């Protein structure tokens, strides 16, 4: 994430996130949800990206291919932080 004064990088996640259609749109929706409760844009984007990365890691442990990963990702998004 970049702003005019800050830079942040999340070094987590899985390559399977790039193999499933819609994960970019999903990340945008998560970012909007985080921004609704966090006034700082970079912090909200960082929270959403971390949320998606952790969910991706959880889903990858349960699946080997993109088709099953997609379903497990939806479940994992609900489980992050529980």
N, C-alpha and C. Protein backbone atom coordinates (compact mmCIF):
# COMPACT_ATOMS: atom_id res chain seq x y z
N UNK A 1 0.84 -1.14 0.00
CA UNK A 1 0.00 0.00 0.00
C UNK A 1 0.90 1.23 0.00
N UNK A 2 0.49 2.21 -0.76
CA UNK A 2 1.25 3.45 -0.84
C UNK A 2 0.35 4.64 -0.60
N UNK A 3 0.87 5.59 0.10
CA UNK A 3 0.23 6.90 0.20
C UNK A 3 1.32 7.92 -0.09
N UNK A 4 1.00 9.16 0.00
CA UNK A 4 2.01 10.18 -0.27
C UNK A 4 3.10 10.21 0.80
N UNK A 5 2.82 9.63 1.96
CA UNK A 5 3.79 9.68 3.06
C UNK A 5 4.18 8.32 3.64
N UNK A 6 3.45 7.25 3.26
CA UNK A 6 3.71 5.94 3.87
C UNK A 6 3.69 4.82 2.83
N UNK A 7 4.37 3.75 3.21
CA UNK A 7 4.39 2.55 2.36
C UNK A 7 4.32 1.34 3.27
N UNK A 8 3.53 0.35 2.90
CA UNK A 8 3.41 -0.88 3.68
C UNK A 8 3.29 -2.05 2.72
N UNK A 9 3.78 -3.20 3.16
CA UNK A 9 3.73 -4.41 2.34
C UNK A 9 3.35 -5.59 3.22
N UNK A 10 2.48 -6.43 2.72
CA UNK A 10 2.09 -7.65 3.42
C UNK A 10 2.80 -8.81 2.74
N UNK A 11 3.63 -9.49 3.47
CA UNK A 11 4.39 -10.61 2.92
C UNK A 11 3.81 -11.92 3.40
N UNK A 12 2.56 -12.12 3.07
CA UNK A 12 1.82 -13.33 3.43
C UNK A 12 0.95 -13.69 2.25
N UNK A 13 0.17 -14.75 2.38
CA UNK A 13 -0.76 -15.13 1.33
C UNK A 13 -0.33 -16.38 0.61
N UNK A 14 -0.89 -16.59 -0.56
CA UNK A 14 -0.64 -17.78 -1.36
C UNK A 14 -0.80 -17.45 -2.83
N UNK A 15 -0.06 -18.15 -3.66
CA UNK A 15 -0.17 -17.97 -5.11
C UNK A 15 -1.54 -18.38 -5.63
N UNK A 16 -2.27 -19.21 -4.89
CA UNK A 16 -3.60 -19.61 -5.34
C UNK A 16 -4.56 -18.42 -5.42
N UNK A 17 -4.31 -17.37 -4.66
CA UNK A 17 -5.19 -16.19 -4.74
C UNK A 17 -5.20 -15.60 -6.15
N UNK A 18 -4.09 -15.70 -6.85
CA UNK A 18 -4.01 -15.16 -8.21
C UNK A 18 -4.62 -16.09 -9.25
N UNK A 19 -4.99 -17.29 -8.86
CA UNK A 19 -5.53 -18.27 -9.80
C UNK A 19 -7.05 -18.40 -9.74
N UNK A 20 -7.68 -17.59 -8.88
CA UNK A 20 -9.13 -17.64 -8.71
C UNK A 20 -9.73 -16.31 -9.15
N UNK A 21 -10.66 -16.37 -10.08
CA UNK A 21 -11.33 -15.15 -10.56
C UNK A 21 -12.13 -14.51 -9.44
N UNK A 22 -11.99 -13.20 -9.31
CA UNK A 22 -12.80 -12.45 -8.35
C UNK A 22 -12.10 -12.09 -7.06
N UNK A 23 -10.88 -12.58 -6.84
CA UNK A 23 -10.23 -12.26 -5.58
C UNK A 23 -9.84 -10.79 -5.50
N UNK A 24 -9.56 -10.17 -6.63
CA UNK A 24 -9.27 -8.73 -6.62
C UNK A 24 -10.49 -7.92 -6.22
N UNK A 25 -11.63 -8.29 -6.77
CA UNK A 25 -12.88 -7.62 -6.41
C UNK A 25 -13.23 -7.87 -4.95
N UNK A 26 -12.97 -9.09 -4.49
CA UNK A 26 -13.21 -9.42 -3.09
C UNK A 26 -12.33 -8.59 -2.18
N UNK A 27 -11.07 -8.40 -2.56
CA UNK A 27 -10.18 -7.56 -1.76
C UNK A 27 -10.67 -6.12 -1.73
N UNK A 28 -11.20 -5.64 -2.84
CA UNK A 28 -11.75 -4.28 -2.87
C UNK A 28 -12.93 -4.15 -1.91
N UNK A 29 -13.78 -5.17 -1.87
CA UNK A 29 -14.93 -5.14 -0.96
C UNK A 29 -14.47 -5.19 0.50
N UNK A 30 -13.46 -6.02 0.79
CA UNK A 30 -12.92 -6.07 2.15
C UNK A 30 -12.30 -4.73 2.54
N UNK A 31 -11.62 -4.11 1.59
CA UNK A 31 -11.02 -2.80 1.86
C UNK A 31 -12.09 -1.76 2.16
N UNK A 32 -13.17 -1.78 1.41
CA UNK A 32 -14.27 -0.84 1.66
C UNK A 32 -14.89 -1.09 3.04
N UNK A 33 -15.04 -2.35 3.41
CA UNK A 33 -15.58 -2.67 4.73
C UNK A 33 -14.65 -2.18 5.83
N UNK A 34 -13.36 -2.40 5.65
CA UNK A 34 -12.39 -1.94 6.66
C UNK A 34 -12.36 -0.41 6.71
N UNK A 35 -12.48 0.22 5.56
CA UNK A 35 -12.45 1.69 5.51
C UNK A 35 -13.69 2.29 6.19
N UNK A 36 -14.78 1.55 6.19
CA UNK A 36 -16.01 2.04 6.84
C UNK A 36 -15.84 2.17 8.35
N UNK A 37 -14.90 1.40 8.92
CA UNK A 37 -14.71 1.44 10.37
C UNK A 37 -13.33 1.97 10.77
N UNK A 38 -12.50 2.32 9.79
CA UNK A 38 -11.16 2.85 10.06
C UNK A 38 -10.95 4.11 9.22
N UNK A 39 -10.67 5.21 9.89
CA UNK A 39 -10.54 6.49 9.20
C UNK A 39 -9.29 6.60 8.33
N UNK A 40 -8.24 5.88 8.68
CA UNK A 40 -7.00 5.97 7.93
C UNK A 40 -7.01 5.01 6.74
N UNK A 41 -6.83 5.55 5.54
CA UNK A 41 -6.89 4.73 4.32
C UNK A 41 -5.85 3.62 4.29
N UNK A 42 -4.62 3.93 4.64
CA UNK A 42 -3.55 2.93 4.58
C UNK A 42 -3.77 1.83 5.61
N UNK A 43 -4.19 2.20 6.79
CA UNK A 43 -4.46 1.20 7.83
C UNK A 43 -5.61 0.28 7.39
N UNK A 44 -6.65 0.85 6.80
CA UNK A 44 -7.78 0.05 6.32
C UNK A 44 -7.33 -0.90 5.21
N UNK A 45 -6.54 -0.42 4.27
CA UNK A 45 -6.05 -1.26 3.18
C UNK A 45 -5.14 -2.36 3.70
N UNK A 46 -4.31 -2.03 4.66
CA UNK A 46 -3.41 -3.02 5.26
C UNK A 46 -4.21 -4.09 6.01
N UNK A 47 -5.23 -3.69 6.73
CA UNK A 47 -6.07 -4.65 7.45
C UNK A 47 -6.78 -5.59 6.47
N UNK A 48 -7.33 -5.05 5.40
CA UNK A 48 -8.04 -5.86 4.42
C UNK A 48 -7.09 -6.83 3.72
N UNK A 49 -5.92 -6.37 3.37
CA UNK A 49 -4.95 -7.22 2.69
C UNK A 49 -4.45 -8.33 3.60
N UNK A 50 -4.24 -8.02 4.86
CA UNK A 50 -3.82 -9.03 5.82
C UNK A 50 -4.93 -10.05 6.03
N UNK A 51 -6.16 -9.59 6.12
CA UNK A 51 -7.33 -10.46 6.27
C UNK A 51 -7.38 -11.45 5.10
N UNK A 52 -7.26 -10.94 3.88
CA UNK A 52 -7.31 -11.78 2.69
C UNK A 52 -6.13 -12.75 2.65
N UNK A 53 -4.95 -12.28 2.99
CA UNK A 53 -3.76 -13.13 2.96
C UNK A 53 -3.87 -14.28 3.96
N UNK A 54 -4.30 -13.98 5.17
CA UNK A 54 -4.46 -15.03 6.18
C UNK A 54 -5.54 -16.04 5.78
N UNK A 55 -6.63 -15.54 5.24
CA UNK A 55 -7.70 -16.44 4.78
C UNK A 55 -7.18 -17.32 3.64
N UNK A 56 -6.39 -16.74 2.76
CA UNK A 56 -5.81 -17.51 1.66
C UNK A 56 -4.91 -18.62 2.17
N UNK A 57 -4.11 -18.31 3.17
CA UNK A 57 -3.23 -19.33 3.75
C UNK A 57 -4.04 -20.45 4.39
N UNK A 58 -5.11 -20.09 5.08
CA UNK A 58 -5.97 -21.10 5.71
C UNK A 58 -6.63 -21.97 4.65
N UNK A 59 -7.13 -21.35 3.60
CA UNK A 59 -7.81 -22.10 2.53
C UNK A 59 -6.83 -23.01 1.79
N UNK A 60 -5.62 -22.57 1.61
CA UNK A 60 -4.61 -23.38 0.91
C UNK A 60 -4.33 -24.67 1.67
N UNK A 61 -4.37 -24.62 2.99
CA UNK A 61 -4.11 -25.82 3.80
C UNK A 61 -5.19 -26.88 3.59
N UNK A 62 -6.37 -26.45 3.16
CA UNK A 62 -7.50 -27.37 3.00
C UNK A 62 -7.73 -27.81 1.57
N UNK A 63 -7.01 -27.24 0.63
CA UNK A 63 -7.28 -27.53 -0.77
C UNK A 63 -5.99 -27.57 -1.58
N UNK A 64 -6.03 -28.29 -2.67
CA UNK A 64 -4.84 -28.42 -3.50
C UNK A 64 -4.97 -27.71 -4.84
N UNK A 65 -6.19 -27.42 -5.24
CA UNK A 65 -6.44 -26.85 -6.57
C UNK A 65 -7.33 -25.61 -6.45
N UNK A 66 -7.34 -24.77 -7.50
CA UNK A 66 -8.10 -23.52 -7.43
C UNK A 66 -9.61 -23.68 -7.20
N UNK A 67 -10.22 -24.73 -7.72
CA UNK A 67 -11.67 -24.90 -7.54
C UNK A 67 -12.06 -25.08 -6.09
N UNK A 68 -11.40 -25.98 -5.41
CA UNK A 68 -11.73 -26.19 -3.99
C UNK A 68 -11.19 -25.05 -3.14
N UNK A 69 -10.11 -24.42 -3.58
CA UNK A 69 -9.56 -23.27 -2.85
C UNK A 69 -10.59 -22.15 -2.75
N UNK A 70 -11.29 -21.90 -3.84
CA UNK A 70 -12.29 -20.83 -3.87
C UNK A 70 -13.33 -21.00 -2.77
N UNK A 71 -13.85 -22.20 -2.64
CA UNK A 71 -14.86 -22.47 -1.62
C UNK A 71 -14.27 -22.34 -0.21
N UNK A 72 -13.09 -22.90 -0.02
CA UNK A 72 -12.45 -22.82 1.30
C UNK A 72 -12.07 -21.39 1.66
N UNK A 73 -11.78 -20.57 0.66
CA UNK A 73 -11.45 -19.17 0.91
C UNK A 73 -12.64 -18.44 1.53
N UNK A 74 -13.82 -18.68 1.03
CA UNK A 74 -15.01 -18.02 1.58
C UNK A 74 -15.21 -18.40 3.05
N UNK A 75 -15.03 -19.68 3.35
CA UNK A 75 -15.14 -20.11 4.75
C UNK A 75 -14.04 -19.49 5.61
N UNK A 76 -12.82 -19.46 5.08
CA UNK A 76 -11.69 -18.93 5.84
C UNK A 76 -11.83 -17.43 6.12
N UNK A 77 -12.43 -16.70 5.20
CA UNK A 77 -12.64 -15.25 5.44
C UNK A 77 -13.49 -15.03 6.68
N UNK A 78 -14.43 -15.93 6.90
CA UNK A 78 -15.27 -15.84 8.09
C UNK A 78 -14.52 -16.26 9.35
N UNK A 79 -13.53 -17.13 9.20
CA UNK A 79 -12.82 -17.67 10.36
C UNK A 79 -11.66 -16.82 10.85
N UNK A 80 -11.12 -15.96 10.01
CA UNK A 80 -9.96 -15.14 10.42
C UNK A 80 -10.33 -14.33 11.65
N UNK A 81 -9.49 -14.42 12.65
CA UNK A 81 -9.71 -13.65 13.86
C UNK A 81 -10.57 -14.32 14.90
N UNK A 82 -11.09 -15.48 14.60
CA UNK A 82 -11.92 -16.19 15.59
C UNK A 82 -11.07 -17.05 16.46
